Amino acid sequence: MGIGNYGTAIAASIRRDLVVEYSRLLAEIGTFSDDGAELMIKNQWLEKIPGAVERDSLIK
């Protein structure tokens, strides 16, 4: 299931216990996807997000 599906389930659910469980799963998926992205960057399967330009080195 995707993060959007959990968000929809939270909005549609009137049971508090399910909202808590979906929120926990959202946090778990976020951590998992962040770890996966870092692993992909480490193995050069994914490029790093462009950072800010080092302006001091451009001036010299």
Protein backbone atom coordinates (compact mmCIF):
# COMPACT_ATOMS: atom_id res chain seq x y z
CA MET A 1 0.00 0.00 0.00
CA GLY A 2 1.12 3.49 -0.69
CA ILE A 3 1.41 6.43 1.64
CA GLY A 4 -1.55 8.11 -0.07
CA ASN A 5 -3.76 5.12 0.63
CA TYR A 6 -2.94 5.29 4.34
CA GLY A 7 -3.73 9.00 4.34
CA THR A 8 -7.09 8.31 2.73
CA ALA A 9 -7.78 5.57 5.25
CA ILE A 10 -7.01 7.93 8.14
CA ALA A 11 -9.38 10.54 6.73
CA ALA A 12 -12.18 8.02 6.19
CA SER A 13 -11.83 6.11 9.46
CA ILE A 14 -13.86 7.02 12.52
CA ARG A 15 -12.10 4.48 14.71
CA ARG A 16 -9.27 6.00 16.74
CA ASP A 17 -7.40 2.73 17.07
CA LEU A 18 -7.13 2.43 13.29
CA VAL A 19 -5.97 6.03 12.95
CA VAL A 20 -3.17 5.32 15.43
CA GLU A 21 -2.20 2.16 13.56
CA TYR A 22 -2.21 3.88 10.16
CA SER A 23 -0.11 6.72 11.58
CA ARG A 24 2.42 4.21 12.89
CA LEU A 25 2.54 2.52 9.50
CA LEU A 26 3.05 5.88 7.76
CA ALA A 27 6.07 6.60 9.95
CA GLU A 28 7.44 3.11 9.32
CA ILE A 29 7.04 3.44 5.54
CA GLY A 30 8.73 6.86 5.63
CA THR A 31 11.75 5.43 7.43
CA PHE A 32 11.87 2.44 5.10
CA SER A 33 11.72 4.59 1.96
CA ASP A 34 14.41 6.94 3.28
CA ASP A 35 16.70 3.99 3.99
CA GLY A 36 16.01 2.63 0.50
CA ALA A 37 16.84 5.96 -1.12
CA GLU A 38 20.12 6.20 0.81
CA LEU A 39 21.03 2.65 -0.26
CA MET A 40 20.27 3.46 -3.89
CA ILE A 41 22.43 6.60 -3.73
CA LYS A 42 25.26 4.63 -2.09
CA ASN A 43 25.20 2.01 -4.88
CA GLN A 44 24.88 4.75 -7.54
CA TRP A 45 21.49 3.44 -8.69
CA LEU A 46 20.04 6.87 -7.99
CA GLU A 47 21.65 10.27 -8.27
CA LYS A 48 21.94 12.56 -5.29
CA ILE A 49 19.56 15.47 -5.16
CA PRO A 50 21.38 18.60 -6.37
CA GLY A 51 22.65 20.67 -3.49
CA ALA A 52 23.23 24.39 -3.20
CA VAL A 53 26.00 25.91 -5.29
CA GLU A 54 29.19 26.67 -3.35
CA ARG A 55 29.18 30.40 -4.09
CA ASP A 56 32.46 31.20 -2.35
CA SER A 57 34.37 28.96 -4.76
CA LEU A 58 32.68 30.64 -7.74
CA ILE A 59 33.86 34.10 -6.64
CA LYS A 60 37.56 33.14 -6.55
